[in-house]
Amino acid sequence: MGPIGAEDPAATPWVDPSADTATMPRWVLRAITIFWLGFIATLVGRWLFSRLHTLLFLIAVSFFLSLAIEPGVNFLARRGWRRGVATALFLLGITLASLLFMGAIGALIGRQVANFIDDLPSRITEVQDFVNRNFSTELDFGDLIDRIDKAQLAGSLANNTISFTTTVLSGLLQMLTVALLTFYMVADGPRMRRAICGRLRPDRQERVLHAWELAIDKTGGYLYSRALLALLSAVFHTAAFSLIGLRYPVALGIWVGLVSQFLPVIGTYLAGVLPVLVALLDEPIRALWVLIVIVIYQQIENYLLAPRITARTLELHPAVAFSAAIAGAAMLGPVGAILALPACATVQAFLTEWGPRHDVIESGLTAHQPPARRRRIARRTPS
């Protein structure tokens, strides 16, 4: 036993004097490098997105628009049309329809606001007489009517009109950009796809081309079916509003047709609000007739028109379509709400073709109609 405080040589581990204990593992330096490179790339990406988000948005719109008109352009190209001419024809039709819609709705809103300003004193007087006559009150809105300055309201309307005109001009510039991008995507579509596939192996080329074709079919089919339903709805409501005697029947018919078809679930209700309000400003009983017309056509469309027109296209579940529209509107605004529908239809098409599929077992939870009669028979059968 050695003296107290002396170290036992056997208990002390042997250390190689030639080893460098301060050497850092190689993976640590690599991890630090990857972290900082990723951090710098994220900052650069955020900066680029903040500068180019408008261009990226226009490219996304152009891509979906190119998918929508590609079937029509291919149809004309197979019949001898040049792809550039066919693409320009489709884009010209879409542009004219968009300008017609915006002009009709803009004129409608402008006239309604102007008429509302002119009729505001008389309407306040009508409300005053109605309340005093039915509730035995003595209200006098004379001071309120005297304070209404039509010139000031008109000036405010003029300022808002100038701001609205600036917004419209900016929107027209963006529409021109989308039209040019879409034209090049569709007119040079085959060459662009050849350039992409030239970098891939044959098996991957087949996958890319199949995915591209599927996106074109589903997006084009979905939008064409909706456009046809919107046209039928616009024609029906325009004729019905004319018979009812509603002002601006063409603008209101186009409004109902487009909004009811391209906004899922709530589009029908939002589309019916504007013509009902316009009718209320003229005559309350007319608003009731407008509401009856909208409800009747909705039933005709749900049970007769929509099943026949959309039989060969991909239908979206209402809950899925509504959720997609809300998500698209949150990210890209009203245009995103419209683009979310064909995007969701394309994704649903990919999911239906991806992976194996099996037969579903018979069950009351998977049947289209609950087997009520079978349950009643089972209850009557003695044990």
Foldseek 3Di string as FASTA:
>chain_A
DDDPPDDDPVPDDDDDPVDDPPDDDPVVVVVVVVVVVVVVVVVVVVVVCVVCVLVVVLLLVLVLVLLQCLVVLVVVVVVPDQSLVSLVVVLVVVVVVVVVLVVLVVVVVVVVVVVCLVCVVVVVVVVQVVCCVPVVDDDDCPVVSVPRDSVVVVVVVVVVVVVVVVVVVVVVVSSVVSSVSNSCCNNCVVVVLCVVCVVDDPVVNVVVVVLSVLLSQQSNLLVVLLVVQLVVQLVQQLVQCVVLVQPSSNNLSNQQSNQLRQQFPCSLVVSLPVSLVSVVVPPNVSSVSSVVSSVVVVVCCVPPPVCVSCVPHDDDDRVVLNVQLVVLCVVPNNVRSRSSVSVVSSVVVVVVPDDDDDDDDDDQVPDPDRPPVVVVVVVPDDD
